[in-house]
N, C-alpha and C. Protein backbone atom coordinates (compact mmCIF):
# COMPACT_ATOMS: atom_id res chain seq x y z
N MET A 1 0.83 -1.19 0.00
CA MET A 1 0.00 0.00 0.00
C MET A 1 0.88 1.25 0.00
N SER A 2 0.89 1.98 1.13
CA SER A 2 1.64 3.22 1.21
C SER A 2 3.08 2.95 1.61
N ASN A 3 3.98 3.69 1.01
CA ASN A 3 5.40 3.58 1.31
C ASN A 3 5.76 4.73 2.24
N PRO A 4 6.28 4.44 3.46
CA PRO A 4 6.57 5.51 4.42
C PRO A 4 7.57 6.54 3.92
N THR A 5 8.42 6.17 2.97
CA THR A 5 9.42 7.12 2.47
C THR A 5 8.94 7.83 1.20
N GLU A 6 7.72 7.54 0.80
CA GLU A 6 7.18 8.14 -0.42
C GLU A 6 7.00 9.65 -0.23
N THR A 7 7.44 10.41 -1.21
CA THR A 7 7.29 11.87 -1.12
C THR A 7 5.88 12.25 -1.52
N SER A 8 5.53 13.47 -1.23
CA SER A 8 4.22 13.98 -1.61
C SER A 8 4.04 13.91 -3.13
N THR A 9 5.10 14.23 -3.86
CA THR A 9 5.04 14.18 -5.33
C THR A 9 4.77 12.76 -5.81
N GLU A 10 5.45 11.78 -5.21
CA GLU A 10 5.24 10.39 -5.60
C GLU A 10 3.81 9.94 -5.28
N LEU A 11 3.30 10.35 -4.14
CA LEU A 11 1.93 9.98 -3.75
C LEU A 11 0.92 10.60 -4.72
N LEU A 12 1.10 11.86 -5.05
CA LEU A 12 0.19 12.52 -5.99
C LEU A 12 0.29 11.89 -7.38
N GLU A 13 1.49 11.43 -7.75
CA GLU A 13 1.66 10.74 -9.03
C GLU A 13 0.85 9.44 -9.03
N ARG A 14 0.94 8.68 -7.92
CA ARG A 14 0.16 7.44 -7.82
C ARG A 14 -1.33 7.73 -7.86
N LEU A 15 -1.75 8.80 -7.15
CA LEU A 15 -3.17 9.16 -7.11
C LEU A 15 -3.68 9.51 -8.50
N GLN A 16 -2.97 10.37 -9.22
CA GLN A 16 -3.45 10.76 -10.55
C GLN A 16 -3.48 9.57 -11.49
N HIS A 17 -2.52 8.66 -11.35
CA HIS A 17 -2.50 7.47 -12.21
C HIS A 17 -3.69 6.56 -11.90
N GLN A 18 -3.99 6.37 -10.61
CA GLN A 18 -5.13 5.53 -10.23
C GLN A 18 -6.45 6.15 -10.67
N VAL A 19 -6.57 7.47 -10.60
CA VAL A 19 -7.78 8.15 -11.07
C VAL A 19 -7.93 7.94 -12.58
N ALA A 20 -6.83 8.03 -13.31
CA ALA A 20 -6.87 7.80 -14.77
C ALA A 20 -7.31 6.37 -15.08
N LEU A 21 -6.75 5.40 -14.35
CA LEU A 21 -7.15 4.00 -14.55
C LEU A 21 -8.62 3.81 -14.22
N PHE A 22 -9.06 4.41 -13.12
CA PHE A 22 -10.46 4.30 -12.72
C PHE A 22 -11.37 4.86 -13.81
N ALA A 23 -11.03 6.03 -14.33
CA ALA A 23 -11.85 6.65 -15.38
C ALA A 23 -11.92 5.75 -16.62
N ARG A 24 -10.78 5.17 -16.99
CA ARG A 24 -10.77 4.29 -18.16
C ARG A 24 -11.63 3.05 -17.92
N ARG A 25 -11.46 2.42 -16.76
CA ARG A 25 -12.23 1.21 -16.47
C ARG A 25 -13.71 1.50 -16.32
N ALA A 26 -14.03 2.64 -15.74
CA ALA A 26 -15.43 3.02 -15.61
C ALA A 26 -16.05 3.22 -16.98
N GLU A 27 -15.30 3.84 -17.88
CA GLU A 27 -15.80 4.05 -19.23
C GLU A 27 -15.92 2.72 -19.98
N GLN A 28 -14.95 1.83 -19.79
CA GLN A 28 -15.00 0.53 -20.46
C GLN A 28 -16.25 -0.25 -20.07
N THR A 29 -16.58 -0.24 -18.82
CA THR A 29 -17.75 -0.99 -18.36
C THR A 29 -18.98 -0.11 -18.29
N ARG A 30 -18.75 1.22 -18.33
CA ARG A 30 -19.78 2.24 -18.10
C ARG A 30 -20.47 1.97 -16.77
N LEU A 31 -19.79 1.23 -15.91
CA LEU A 31 -20.37 0.81 -14.63
C LEU A 31 -21.80 0.37 -14.84
N GLY A 32 -22.00 -0.32 -15.95
CA GLY A 32 -23.34 -0.68 -16.39
C GLY A 32 -24.05 -1.68 -15.52
N GLY A 33 -23.36 -2.35 -14.65
CA GLY A 33 -24.04 -3.28 -13.78
C GLY A 33 -24.02 -4.68 -14.32
N VAL A 34 -24.96 -5.47 -13.85
CA VAL A 34 -25.05 -6.88 -14.24
C VAL A 34 -26.49 -7.17 -14.64
N GLY A 35 -26.67 -8.23 -15.36
CA GLY A 35 -28.01 -8.61 -15.80
C GLY A 35 -28.41 -7.89 -17.07
N LYS A 36 -29.72 -7.86 -17.33
CA LYS A 36 -30.23 -7.28 -18.57
C LYS A 36 -29.88 -5.80 -18.75
N ALA A 37 -29.82 -5.07 -17.64
CA ALA A 37 -29.60 -3.62 -17.73
C ALA A 37 -28.14 -3.25 -17.97
N ARG A 38 -27.25 -4.22 -17.98
CA ARG A 38 -25.83 -3.95 -18.10
C ARG A 38 -25.50 -3.17 -19.37
N ASN A 39 -24.70 -2.12 -19.20
CA ASN A 39 -24.20 -1.29 -20.31
C ASN A 39 -25.30 -0.70 -21.18
N SER A 40 -26.50 -0.56 -20.66
CA SER A 40 -27.59 -0.11 -21.52
C SER A 40 -27.99 1.34 -21.29
N MET A 41 -27.27 2.05 -20.43
CA MET A 41 -27.55 3.47 -20.23
C MET A 41 -26.24 4.20 -20.08
N ASP A 42 -26.04 5.21 -20.93
CA ASP A 42 -24.77 5.93 -20.83
C ASP A 42 -24.77 6.86 -19.62
N ARG A 43 -23.60 7.34 -19.30
CA ARG A 43 -23.39 8.14 -18.09
C ARG A 43 -24.25 9.40 -18.10
N ALA A 44 -24.29 10.11 -19.23
CA ALA A 44 -25.06 11.36 -19.29
C ALA A 44 -26.54 11.11 -19.03
N ALA A 45 -27.09 10.08 -19.64
CA ALA A 45 -28.51 9.76 -19.44
C ALA A 45 -28.77 9.39 -17.99
N TYR A 46 -27.90 8.57 -17.42
CA TYR A 46 -28.06 8.16 -16.02
C TYR A 46 -28.06 9.36 -15.09
N LEU A 47 -27.10 10.26 -15.28
CA LEU A 47 -26.98 11.42 -14.39
C LEU A 47 -28.18 12.37 -14.55
N LEU A 48 -28.66 12.56 -15.77
CA LEU A 48 -29.83 13.41 -15.99
C LEU A 48 -31.08 12.80 -15.35
N LEU A 49 -31.32 11.52 -15.59
CA LEU A 49 -32.50 10.86 -15.01
C LEU A 49 -32.42 10.86 -13.49
N ASN A 50 -31.23 10.59 -12.98
CA ASN A 50 -31.03 10.57 -11.53
C ASN A 50 -31.33 11.94 -10.92
N ARG A 51 -30.87 13.01 -11.56
CA ARG A 51 -31.11 14.37 -11.05
C ARG A 51 -32.60 14.68 -11.06
N LEU A 52 -33.29 14.34 -12.15
CA LEU A 52 -34.73 14.60 -12.22
C LEU A 52 -35.50 13.78 -11.18
N ASP A 53 -35.03 12.58 -10.92
CA ASP A 53 -35.68 11.74 -9.92
C ASP A 53 -35.51 12.32 -8.53
N ARG A 54 -34.33 12.79 -8.23
CA ARG A 54 -34.03 13.28 -6.87
C ARG A 54 -34.57 14.69 -6.61
N GLU A 55 -34.59 15.53 -7.66
CA GLU A 55 -34.97 16.93 -7.44
C GLU A 55 -36.31 17.31 -8.05
N GLY A 56 -36.90 16.42 -8.82
CA GLY A 56 -38.19 16.70 -9.41
C GLY A 56 -38.08 17.47 -10.71
N PRO A 57 -39.23 17.81 -11.30
CA PRO A 57 -39.23 18.52 -12.59
C PRO A 57 -38.46 19.83 -12.51
N MET A 58 -37.73 20.13 -13.57
CA MET A 58 -36.99 21.38 -13.64
C MET A 58 -36.77 21.80 -15.08
N GLY A 59 -36.55 23.08 -15.26
CA GLY A 59 -36.27 23.62 -16.59
C GLY A 59 -34.85 23.28 -17.03
N VAL A 60 -34.60 23.48 -18.32
CA VAL A 60 -33.28 23.16 -18.88
C VAL A 60 -32.19 23.97 -18.19
N LYS A 61 -32.44 25.26 -17.98
CA LYS A 61 -31.42 26.11 -17.37
C LYS A 61 -31.10 25.65 -15.94
N ALA A 62 -32.13 25.37 -15.15
CA ALA A 62 -31.92 24.92 -13.78
C ALA A 62 -31.21 23.57 -13.75
N LEU A 63 -31.58 22.69 -14.67
CA LEU A 63 -30.93 21.38 -14.76
C LEU A 63 -29.46 21.53 -15.12
N ALA A 64 -29.18 22.42 -16.06
CA ALA A 64 -27.79 22.66 -16.47
C ALA A 64 -26.97 23.20 -15.30
N GLU A 65 -27.53 24.16 -14.58
CA GLU A 65 -26.82 24.74 -13.43
C GLU A 65 -26.57 23.69 -12.35
N ALA A 66 -27.59 22.86 -12.08
CA ALA A 66 -27.45 21.84 -11.05
C ALA A 66 -26.39 20.81 -11.42
N MET A 67 -26.22 20.57 -12.72
CA MET A 67 -25.26 19.56 -13.17
C MET A 67 -23.90 20.15 -13.51
N GLY A 68 -23.81 21.48 -13.53
CA GLY A 68 -22.54 22.13 -13.82
C GLY A 68 -22.14 22.06 -15.29
N ILE A 69 -23.14 22.03 -16.17
CA ILE A 69 -22.87 22.01 -17.62
C ILE A 69 -23.72 23.09 -18.28
N ASP A 70 -23.45 23.38 -19.55
CA ASP A 70 -24.22 24.45 -20.18
C ASP A 70 -25.56 23.94 -20.71
N SER A 71 -26.47 24.88 -20.93
CA SER A 71 -27.83 24.54 -21.35
C SER A 71 -27.89 23.81 -22.68
N SER A 72 -27.01 24.18 -23.61
CA SER A 72 -27.03 23.51 -24.92
C SER A 72 -26.67 22.03 -24.78
N THR A 73 -25.77 21.72 -23.86
CA THR A 73 -25.40 20.32 -23.62
C THR A 73 -26.58 19.56 -23.04
N VAL A 74 -27.28 20.16 -22.07
CA VAL A 74 -28.45 19.51 -21.49
C VAL A 74 -29.51 19.29 -22.57
N THR A 75 -29.76 20.30 -23.39
CA THR A 75 -30.75 20.17 -24.45
C THR A 75 -30.41 19.01 -25.38
N ARG A 76 -29.14 18.91 -25.76
CA ARG A 76 -28.69 17.84 -26.65
C ARG A 76 -28.82 16.47 -25.97
N GLN A 77 -28.49 16.38 -24.68
CA GLN A 77 -28.54 15.10 -23.97
C GLN A 77 -29.96 14.68 -23.63
N VAL A 78 -30.85 15.64 -23.43
CA VAL A 78 -32.23 15.32 -23.07
C VAL A 78 -33.04 14.87 -24.28
N ALA A 79 -32.72 15.38 -25.46
CA ALA A 79 -33.52 15.08 -26.66
C ALA A 79 -33.77 13.58 -26.86
N PRO A 80 -32.74 12.71 -26.82
CA PRO A 80 -33.02 11.29 -27.01
C PRO A 80 -33.83 10.68 -25.85
N LEU A 81 -33.71 11.26 -24.66
CA LEU A 81 -34.47 10.76 -23.51
C LEU A 81 -35.95 11.09 -23.67
N VAL A 82 -36.24 12.25 -24.26
CA VAL A 82 -37.62 12.62 -24.56
C VAL A 82 -38.14 11.72 -25.69
N ASP A 83 -37.32 11.55 -26.72
CA ASP A 83 -37.72 10.72 -27.88
C ASP A 83 -38.04 9.28 -27.49
N THR A 84 -37.32 8.75 -26.51
CA THR A 84 -37.54 7.36 -26.09
C THR A 84 -38.55 7.25 -24.95
N GLY A 85 -39.11 8.38 -24.53
CA GLY A 85 -40.16 8.36 -23.51
C GLY A 85 -39.67 8.23 -22.08
N LEU A 86 -38.36 8.43 -21.85
CA LEU A 86 -37.84 8.36 -20.49
C LEU A 86 -38.04 9.67 -19.74
N VAL A 87 -38.11 10.76 -20.48
CA VAL A 87 -38.34 12.10 -19.92
C VAL A 87 -39.50 12.72 -20.67
N LYS A 88 -40.32 13.47 -19.95
CA LYS A 88 -41.43 14.16 -20.62
C LYS A 88 -41.32 15.66 -20.38
N ARG A 89 -41.77 16.41 -21.35
CA ARG A 89 -41.83 17.87 -21.21
C ARG A 89 -43.24 18.20 -20.72
N THR A 90 -43.31 19.00 -19.66
CA THR A 90 -44.60 19.40 -19.12
C THR A 90 -44.58 20.89 -18.83
N SER A 91 -45.75 21.43 -18.59
CA SER A 91 -45.85 22.85 -18.23
C SER A 91 -45.39 23.04 -16.80
N HIS A 92 -44.75 24.16 -16.57
CA HIS A 92 -44.32 24.52 -15.21
C HIS A 92 -45.57 24.66 -14.35
N PRO A 93 -45.57 24.09 -13.13
CA PRO A 93 -46.78 24.14 -12.30
C PRO A 93 -47.22 25.55 -11.92
N GLU A 94 -46.28 26.51 -11.82
CA GLU A 94 -46.62 27.87 -11.42
C GLU A 94 -46.74 28.82 -12.60
N ASP A 95 -46.01 28.54 -13.68
CA ASP A 95 -46.02 29.38 -14.87
C ASP A 95 -46.28 28.48 -16.07
N GLY A 96 -47.53 28.39 -16.47
CA GLY A 96 -47.93 27.48 -17.54
C GLY A 96 -47.23 27.74 -18.87
N ARG A 97 -46.63 28.90 -19.04
CA ARG A 97 -45.92 29.20 -20.29
C ARG A 97 -44.56 28.53 -20.35
N ALA A 98 -43.97 28.29 -19.17
CA ALA A 98 -42.63 27.69 -19.12
C ALA A 98 -42.74 26.16 -19.20
N VAL A 99 -41.71 25.56 -19.76
CA VAL A 99 -41.66 24.10 -19.91
C VAL A 99 -40.62 23.54 -18.94
N VAL A 100 -40.98 22.44 -18.28
CA VAL A 100 -40.03 21.75 -17.41
C VAL A 100 -39.89 20.31 -17.89
N LEU A 101 -38.77 19.72 -17.52
CA LEU A 101 -38.50 18.33 -17.83
C LEU A 101 -38.81 17.50 -16.60
N ALA A 102 -39.45 16.36 -16.81
CA ALA A 102 -39.81 15.49 -15.69
C ALA A 102 -39.53 14.04 -16.07
N LEU A 103 -39.21 13.24 -15.09
CA LEU A 103 -39.00 11.82 -15.29
C LEU A 103 -40.36 11.18 -15.56
N SER A 104 -40.46 10.44 -16.63
CA SER A 104 -41.72 9.76 -16.95
C SER A 104 -41.79 8.46 -16.14
N PRO A 105 -42.98 7.85 -16.04
CA PRO A 105 -43.06 6.54 -15.36
C PRO A 105 -42.12 5.51 -16.01
N ARG A 106 -42.03 5.55 -17.33
CA ARG A 106 -41.11 4.65 -18.03
C ARG A 106 -39.66 4.95 -17.64
N GLY A 107 -39.34 6.23 -17.55
CA GLY A 107 -37.99 6.64 -17.16
C GLY A 107 -37.67 6.20 -15.74
N ARG A 108 -38.65 6.32 -14.83
CA ARG A 108 -38.44 5.91 -13.44
C ARG A 108 -38.19 4.40 -13.37
N GLY A 109 -38.96 3.63 -14.12
CA GLY A 109 -38.77 2.17 -14.13
C GLY A 109 -37.40 1.79 -14.67
N ARG A 110 -37.00 2.47 -15.75
CA ARG A 110 -35.70 2.19 -16.37
C ARG A 110 -34.57 2.57 -15.43
N LEU A 111 -34.70 3.72 -14.76
CA LEU A 111 -33.69 4.17 -13.81
C LEU A 111 -33.59 3.19 -12.64
N ASP A 112 -34.72 2.72 -12.15
CA ASP A 112 -34.70 1.73 -11.06
C ASP A 112 -33.96 0.47 -11.48
N ASP A 113 -34.20 0.01 -12.72
CA ASP A 113 -33.51 -1.19 -13.23
C ASP A 113 -32.00 -0.98 -13.27
N VAL A 114 -31.58 0.19 -13.78
CA VAL A 114 -30.15 0.47 -13.91
C VAL A 114 -29.51 0.61 -12.53
N ARG A 115 -30.19 1.30 -11.62
CA ARG A 115 -29.64 1.44 -10.27
C ARG A 115 -29.46 0.07 -9.62
N ASP A 116 -30.46 -0.78 -9.76
CA ASP A 116 -30.37 -2.13 -9.18
C ASP A 116 -29.20 -2.89 -9.79
N SER A 117 -29.05 -2.81 -11.10
CA SER A 117 -27.95 -3.48 -11.78
C SER A 117 -26.60 -2.97 -11.31
N ARG A 118 -26.50 -1.66 -11.14
CA ARG A 118 -25.23 -1.06 -10.70
C ARG A 118 -24.93 -1.39 -9.25
N ARG A 119 -25.95 -1.46 -8.42
CA ARG A 119 -25.74 -1.87 -7.03
C ARG A 119 -25.20 -3.30 -6.97
N ARG A 120 -25.77 -4.18 -7.82
CA ARG A 120 -25.29 -5.56 -7.84
C ARG A 120 -23.84 -5.63 -8.33
N LEU A 121 -23.48 -4.79 -9.31
CA LEU A 121 -22.09 -4.75 -9.77
C LEU A 121 -21.16 -4.29 -8.65
N MET A 122 -21.56 -3.23 -7.93
CA MET A 122 -20.73 -2.74 -6.83
C MET A 122 -20.57 -3.82 -5.76
N ALA A 123 -21.63 -4.57 -5.51
CA ALA A 123 -21.56 -5.66 -4.52
C ALA A 123 -20.57 -6.73 -4.98
N GLN A 124 -20.59 -7.06 -6.26
CA GLN A 124 -19.65 -8.07 -6.78
C GLN A 124 -18.21 -7.59 -6.73
N VAL A 125 -17.98 -6.36 -7.16
CA VAL A 125 -16.62 -5.81 -7.22
C VAL A 125 -16.01 -5.69 -5.83
N THR A 126 -16.85 -5.38 -4.84
CA THR A 126 -16.34 -5.18 -3.48
C THR A 126 -16.72 -6.35 -2.56
N ASP A 127 -16.96 -7.49 -3.15
CA ASP A 127 -17.43 -8.66 -2.40
C ASP A 127 -16.53 -9.04 -1.23
N ASP A 128 -15.21 -8.90 -1.41
CA ASP A 128 -14.29 -9.30 -0.33
C ASP A 128 -13.91 -8.13 0.58
N TRP A 129 -14.61 -6.99 0.47
CA TRP A 129 -14.38 -5.86 1.34
C TRP A 129 -15.27 -5.97 2.57
N THR A 130 -14.82 -5.39 3.67
CA THR A 130 -15.68 -5.32 4.85
C THR A 130 -16.68 -4.17 4.64
N GLY A 131 -17.71 -4.18 5.45
CA GLY A 131 -18.67 -3.07 5.40
C GLY A 131 -18.00 -1.75 5.69
N GLN A 132 -17.05 -1.76 6.62
CA GLN A 132 -16.33 -0.53 6.97
C GLN A 132 -15.48 -0.05 5.79
N GLU A 133 -14.84 -0.97 5.07
CA GLU A 133 -14.03 -0.58 3.92
C GLU A 133 -14.91 0.06 2.84
N ARG A 134 -16.08 -0.53 2.60
CA ARG A 134 -17.01 0.06 1.62
C ARG A 134 -17.42 1.47 2.05
N GLU A 135 -17.71 1.61 3.34
CA GLU A 135 -18.15 2.91 3.85
C GLU A 135 -17.05 3.95 3.74
N VAL A 136 -15.83 3.59 4.13
CA VAL A 136 -14.70 4.53 4.06
C VAL A 136 -14.42 4.91 2.62
N PHE A 137 -14.40 3.92 1.71
CA PHE A 137 -14.15 4.19 0.30
C PHE A 137 -15.23 5.13 -0.27
N THR A 138 -16.48 4.85 0.06
CA THR A 138 -17.58 5.67 -0.43
C THR A 138 -17.47 7.09 0.10
N ASP A 139 -17.18 7.24 1.39
CA ASP A 139 -17.03 8.57 1.98
C ASP A 139 -15.89 9.35 1.31
N LEU A 140 -14.76 8.68 1.07
CA LEU A 140 -13.62 9.35 0.43
C LEU A 140 -13.93 9.68 -1.03
N LEU A 141 -14.65 8.81 -1.71
CA LEU A 141 -15.02 9.07 -3.11
C LEU A 141 -15.98 10.26 -3.19
N VAL A 142 -16.92 10.33 -2.26
CA VAL A 142 -17.83 11.48 -2.21
C VAL A 142 -17.02 12.75 -1.97
N ARG A 143 -16.11 12.70 -1.02
CA ARG A 143 -15.28 13.87 -0.70
C ARG A 143 -14.46 14.30 -1.92
N PHE A 144 -13.89 13.32 -2.63
CA PHE A 144 -13.09 13.59 -3.83
C PHE A 144 -13.97 14.23 -4.91
N ASN A 145 -15.17 13.69 -5.15
CA ASN A 145 -16.07 14.23 -6.16
C ASN A 145 -16.52 15.65 -5.81
N VAL A 146 -16.80 15.90 -4.54
CA VAL A 146 -17.20 17.24 -4.11
C VAL A 146 -16.04 18.22 -4.33
N ALA A 147 -14.83 17.80 -3.97
CA ALA A 147 -13.66 18.67 -4.17
C ALA A 147 -13.44 18.98 -5.65
N LEU A 148 -13.61 17.98 -6.50
CA LEU A 148 -13.48 18.21 -7.95
C LEU A 148 -14.56 19.17 -8.45
N ALA A 149 -15.79 18.98 -8.00
CA ALA A 149 -16.88 19.86 -8.42
C ALA A 149 -16.62 21.29 -7.97
N GLU A 150 -16.17 21.44 -6.74
CA GLU A 150 -15.87 22.79 -6.23
C GLU A 150 -14.71 23.41 -6.99
N TRP A 151 -13.71 22.60 -7.33
CA TRP A 151 -12.57 23.12 -8.10
C TRP A 151 -13.04 23.60 -9.47
N HIS A 152 -13.87 22.78 -10.14
CA HIS A 152 -14.38 23.17 -11.46
C HIS A 152 -15.24 24.43 -11.37
N ALA A 153 -16.09 24.50 -10.36
CA ALA A 153 -16.94 25.69 -10.18
C ALA A 153 -16.09 26.92 -9.92
N GLY A 154 -14.99 26.73 -9.23
CA GLY A 154 -14.11 27.84 -8.90
C GLY A 154 -13.23 28.29 -10.03
N LEU A 155 -13.11 27.50 -11.10
CA LEU A 155 -12.25 27.89 -12.22
C LEU A 155 -12.66 29.24 -12.79
N SER A 156 -13.95 29.39 -13.09
CA SER A 156 -14.38 30.66 -13.67
C SER A 156 -14.25 31.77 -12.65
N GLN A 157 -14.53 31.47 -11.37
CA GLN A 157 -14.36 32.49 -10.33
C GLN A 157 -12.89 32.88 -10.20
N ARG A 158 -11.99 31.87 -10.26
CA ARG A 158 -10.55 32.17 -10.16
C ARG A 158 -10.10 33.00 -11.35
N ASP A 159 -10.60 32.68 -12.55
CA ASP A 159 -10.23 33.47 -13.72
C ASP A 159 -10.68 34.91 -13.56
N GLU A 160 -11.92 35.10 -13.05
CA GLU A 160 -12.41 36.45 -12.83
C GLU A 160 -11.59 37.16 -11.76
N LEU A 161 -11.25 36.45 -10.69
CA LEU A 161 -10.43 37.04 -9.62
C LEU A 161 -9.04 37.39 -10.13
N ASP A 162 -8.45 36.51 -10.95
CA ASP A 162 -7.13 36.77 -11.51
C ASP A 162 -7.15 38.03 -12.36
N ALA A 163 -8.17 38.19 -13.20
CA ALA A 163 -8.28 39.37 -14.05
C ALA A 163 -8.46 40.62 -13.19
N ALA A 164 -9.28 40.51 -12.14
CA ALA A 164 -9.49 41.65 -11.24
C ALA A 164 -8.21 41.99 -10.50
N ALA A 165 -7.46 40.97 -10.08
CA ALA A 165 -6.21 41.21 -9.36
C ALA A 165 -5.20 41.90 -10.27
N VAL A 166 -5.09 41.48 -11.50
CA VAL A 166 -4.16 42.10 -12.45
C VAL A 166 -4.54 43.57 -12.65
N ALA A 167 -5.84 43.83 -12.82
CA ALA A 167 -6.30 45.21 -13.01
C ALA A 167 -6.01 46.05 -11.77
N ALA A 168 -6.21 45.46 -10.58
CA ALA A 168 -5.95 46.20 -9.34
C ALA A 168 -4.47 46.52 -9.19
N VAL A 169 -3.61 45.56 -9.49
CA VAL A 169 -2.17 45.79 -9.40
C VAL A 169 -1.75 46.85 -10.41
N ALA A 170 -2.29 46.79 -11.60
CA ALA A 170 -1.95 47.79 -12.63
C ALA A 170 -2.38 49.18 -12.17
N ALA A 171 -3.55 49.27 -11.53
CA ALA A 171 -4.03 50.57 -11.03
C ALA A 171 -3.12 51.10 -9.92
N ILE A 172 -2.70 50.21 -9.02
CA ILE A 172 -1.81 50.62 -7.93
C ILE A 172 -0.47 51.08 -8.48
N VAL A 173 0.08 50.35 -9.44
CA VAL A 173 1.36 50.72 -10.05
C VAL A 173 1.23 52.08 -10.74
N ALA A 174 0.13 52.27 -11.47
CA ALA A 174 -0.07 53.54 -12.17
C ALA A 174 -0.22 54.68 -11.17
N GLU A 175 -0.92 54.43 -10.08
CA GLU A 175 -1.13 55.46 -9.06
C GLU A 175 0.18 55.85 -8.39
N LYS A 176 1.01 54.85 -8.07
CA LYS A 176 2.28 55.12 -7.40
C LYS A 176 3.25 55.81 -8.35
N ALA A 177 3.16 55.50 -9.63
CA ALA A 177 4.06 56.10 -10.60
C ALA A 177 3.71 57.56 -10.84
N GLY A 178 2.45 57.90 -10.63
CA GLY A 178 2.02 59.27 -10.79
C GLY A 178 2.01 59.70 -12.24
N PRO A 179 1.95 61.03 -12.47
CA PRO A 179 1.85 61.54 -13.84
C PRO A 179 3.07 61.23 -14.68
N GLU A 180 4.21 60.97 -14.03
CA GLU A 180 5.42 60.65 -14.79
C GLU A 180 5.25 59.38 -15.61
N ALA A 181 4.36 58.50 -15.18
CA ALA A 181 4.19 57.22 -15.85
C ALA A 181 3.74 57.41 -17.29
N ASP A 182 3.06 58.53 -17.56
CA ASP A 182 2.60 58.78 -18.91
C ASP A 182 3.65 59.48 -19.77
N ALA A 183 4.74 59.96 -19.15
CA ALA A 183 5.78 60.67 -19.89
C ALA A 183 6.52 59.68 -20.79
N PRO A 184 6.94 60.11 -21.98
CA PRO A 184 7.65 59.21 -22.88
C PRO A 184 9.03 58.85 -22.31
N LEU A 185 9.49 57.68 -22.71
CA LEU A 185 10.82 57.25 -22.29
C LEU A 185 11.86 58.04 -23.06
N GLY A 186 12.89 58.45 -22.34
CA GLY A 186 13.98 59.19 -22.98
C GLY A 186 15.22 58.34 -23.07
N ALA A 187 16.36 58.99 -23.06
CA ALA A 187 17.65 58.30 -23.17
C ALA A 187 17.80 57.31 -22.04
N GLY A 188 18.25 56.12 -22.35
CA GLY A 188 18.52 55.10 -21.35
C GLY A 188 17.27 54.51 -20.75
N GLY A 189 16.08 54.77 -21.34
CA GLY A 189 14.84 54.20 -20.84
C GLY A 189 14.33 54.89 -19.59
N VAL A 190 14.83 56.12 -19.31
CA VAL A 190 14.41 56.85 -18.12
C VAL A 190 13.33 57.84 -18.54
N ARG A 191 12.25 57.83 -17.78
CA ARG A 191 11.15 58.75 -18.11
C ARG A 191 11.62 60.19 -17.94
N GLY A 192 11.33 61.00 -18.95
CA GLY A 192 11.65 62.41 -18.90
C GLY A 192 13.08 62.73 -19.27
N ALA A 193 13.96 61.71 -19.38
CA ALA A 193 15.37 61.96 -19.73
C ALA A 193 15.43 62.40 -21.18
N GLY A 194 16.32 63.32 -21.47
CA GLY A 194 16.53 63.78 -22.84
C GLY A 194 15.58 64.88 -23.21
N GLN A 195 14.66 65.26 -22.30
CA GLN A 195 13.75 66.34 -22.59
C GLN A 195 14.33 67.61 -21.99
N GLY A 196 13.97 68.69 -22.53
CA GLY A 196 14.49 69.99 -22.00
C GLY A 196 14.10 70.18 -20.57
N ALA A 197 15.06 70.61 -19.74
CA ALA A 197 14.76 70.80 -18.32
C ALA A 197 14.63 72.23 -17.98
């Protein structure tokens, strides 16, 4: 497992490599589960149906915000779910002009099948783990996913903060330099040098 002399860099290297392997294996199996439902629902469809099941009917914009993706992506991913009858478009309960997406009875049944299949897969994969090991792994995986989501959400905020910080530093530099900062450079790159005194 862990090497007591392992440096932080080596540990982070092992972590990123294991995350890459996990992502590849998850994609290979799509964590599709076992039985008839195995590999029969892609990740995007599962996550959309799951969100609608847990949070109820919602508009495209709200769904996109909740999932951390843009509205055009949600629209594209929802279209086949509507076409296959897993999701239905209905009027907003408070504003009849607005349209919301809702899990259909067919979609709920399909989601239940996939969840059951995936639970059975998780049980098989972790069959020789103790209950405590499953719990600790799940808690750490949740923590890791939350940290990743927060990091992604913070990217645009960090970019905005970085731009604001650069502008603030530029303003401070300009203020400290005073009116001389606008004077042309003269001999030797010195402001005001070479001009008549």
